[in-house]
Amino acid sequence: MKKIFVPLFGIAMMVSPALAQDKKGGAGDSTKGKEVFEQCSACHNADSDEKKMGPGLKGLFKKAKMADGKAADEKNVRQKIDQGGNGMPAYEEMLEKKDKDNLIAYLKTL
């Protein structure tokens, strides 16, 4: 993994590019994404892969495939959020892009 140096009070410390990007808000903020997930938690577990109404999402991005058989990658997860399906409502018009970015950042921490 490539490291970048970020000076902090005159002391250089190593920070991963993903962390640096998260602080700038480029890839989404997982803390804010956890707040967005509250509306998802009625149907999805975050702390297990056990099915509620929808599949449990713990370890989602560590799996090869999602419950629908598609690759568990950001593109397909975003598409599922936008389009819904199989009982899940479409959130394309209900969530702003920033909220979806934050939600995906949170899902990556599970």
Protein backbone atom coordinates (compact mmCIF):
# COMPACT_ATOMS: atom_id res chain seq x y z
CA MET A 1 0.00 0.00 0.00
CA LYS A 2 1.33 3.41 -0.95
CA LYS A 3 1.79 5.75 2.02
CA ILE A 4 1.74 9.52 2.07
CA PHE A 5 3.26 11.77 4.69
CA VAL A 6 1.06 14.35 6.36
CA PRO A 7 2.78 16.92 8.60
CA LEU A 8 1.05 17.38 11.93
CA PHE A 9 2.39 19.96 14.36
CA GLY A 10 5.78 19.71 12.69
CA ILE A 11 5.90 15.92 13.02
CA ALA A 12 5.49 13.76 9.91
CA MET A 13 3.20 10.79 10.29
CA MET A 14 2.25 8.11 7.82
CA VAL A 15 -1.38 8.06 6.71
CA SER A 16 -2.91 5.75 4.16
CA PRO A 17 -4.36 7.53 1.11
CA ALA A 18 -7.82 6.13 1.92
CA LEU A 19 -7.76 7.73 5.36
CA ALA A 20 -6.56 11.03 3.97
CA GLN A 21 -9.32 10.94 1.36
CA ASP A 22 -11.95 10.11 4.00
CA LYS A 23 -10.98 13.16 6.06
CA LYS A 24 -11.31 15.39 2.97
CA GLY A 25 -14.70 13.84 2.18
CA GLY A 26 -13.68 12.52 -1.24
CA ALA A 27 -14.81 8.93 -0.85
CA GLY A 28 -17.47 9.32 1.81
CA ASP A 29 -17.51 9.58 5.57
CA SER A 30 -18.21 6.29 7.32
CA THR A 31 -19.38 8.04 10.51
CA LYS A 32 -22.05 9.92 8.57
CA GLY A 33 -22.77 6.73 6.64
CA LYS A 34 -23.61 4.96 9.90
CA GLU A 35 -26.29 7.61 10.45
CA VAL A 36 -27.65 7.02 6.93
CA PHE A 37 -27.68 3.27 7.63
CA GLU A 38 -30.20 3.78 10.46
CA GLN A 39 -32.99 3.77 7.88
CA CYS A 40 -31.56 0.58 6.34
CA SER A 41 -31.38 -1.17 9.72
CA ALA A 42 -35.12 -1.86 9.72
CA CYS A 43 -34.42 -4.51 7.06
CA HIS A 44 -30.66 -5.20 7.25
CA ASN A 45 -28.34 -6.30 10.06
CA ALA A 46 -25.00 -4.50 10.25
CA ASP A 47 -23.50 -6.69 12.96
CA SER A 48 -24.16 -10.08 11.37
CA ASP A 49 -24.73 -11.68 8.00
CA GLU A 50 -28.01 -13.12 9.30
CA LYS A 51 -31.03 -12.24 7.19
CA LYS A 52 -33.61 -9.84 8.62
CA MET A 53 -36.08 -8.81 5.90
CA GLY A 54 -33.07 -8.27 3.63
CA PRO A 55 -29.64 -9.88 3.83
CA GLY A 56 -27.28 -9.10 6.70
CA LEU A 57 -24.52 -6.78 5.53
CA LYS A 58 -21.64 -7.60 7.89
CA GLY A 59 -18.57 -8.28 5.75
CA LEU A 60 -20.39 -7.29 2.55
CA PHE A 61 -17.28 -5.97 0.79
CA LYS A 62 -15.23 -8.95 1.96
CA LYS A 63 -17.51 -11.40 0.14
CA ALA A 64 -17.12 -12.45 -3.48
CA LYS A 65 -20.83 -12.04 -4.24
CA MET A 66 -23.90 -10.29 -2.90
CA ALA A 67 -27.15 -12.14 -2.16
CA ASP A 68 -28.30 -11.50 -5.76
CA GLY A 69 -25.20 -13.24 -7.16
CA LYS A 70 -23.51 -10.07 -8.42
CA ALA A 71 -19.95 -9.21 -7.42
CA ALA A 72 -19.77 -7.45 -4.05
CA ASP A 73 -18.12 -4.30 -5.36
CA GLU A 74 -18.91 -0.61 -5.04
CA LYS A 75 -20.54 -0.37 -8.47
CA ASN A 76 -23.02 -3.18 -7.80
CA VAL A 77 -23.76 -2.09 -4.23
CA ARG A 78 -24.48 1.46 -5.45
CA GLN A 79 -26.70 0.06 -8.20
CA LYS A 80 -28.65 -2.01 -5.63
CA ILE A 81 -29.09 1.08 -3.44
CA ASP A 82 -30.27 3.12 -6.44
CA GLN A 83 -32.54 0.54 -8.07
CA GLY A 84 -33.62 -1.63 -5.15
CA GLY A 85 -35.37 -4.82 -6.13
CA ASN A 86 -36.63 -8.03 -4.58
CA GLY A 87 -38.63 -6.13 -1.94
CA MET A 88 -36.09 -3.35 -1.42
CA PRO A 89 -37.22 0.14 -2.45
CA ALA A 90 -35.15 2.19 -4.88
CA TYR A 91 -33.21 4.97 -3.14
CA GLU A 92 -31.94 6.74 -6.26
CA GLU A 93 -34.28 9.69 -5.70
CA MET A 94 -34.51 9.36 -1.90
CA LEU A 95 -30.81 9.70 -1.04
CA GLU A 96 -28.39 12.36 -2.22
CA LYS A 97 -25.14 11.22 -3.83
CA LYS A 98 -23.20 12.37 -0.77
CA ASP A 99 -25.41 10.23 1.49
CA LYS A 100 -24.84 7.21 -0.75
CA ASP A 101 -21.07 7.85 -0.72
CA ASN A 102 -21.18 8.00 3.08
CA LEU A 103 -23.33 4.87 3.29
CA ILE A 104 -20.94 2.91 1.08
CA ALA A 105 -17.98 4.12 3.18
CA TYR A 106 -19.79 2.77 6.26
CA LEU A 107 -20.66 -0.56 4.59
CA LYS A 108 -16.97 -1.02 3.82
CA THR A 109 -16.24 -0.91 7.58
CA LEU A 110 -18.59 -3.79 8.39
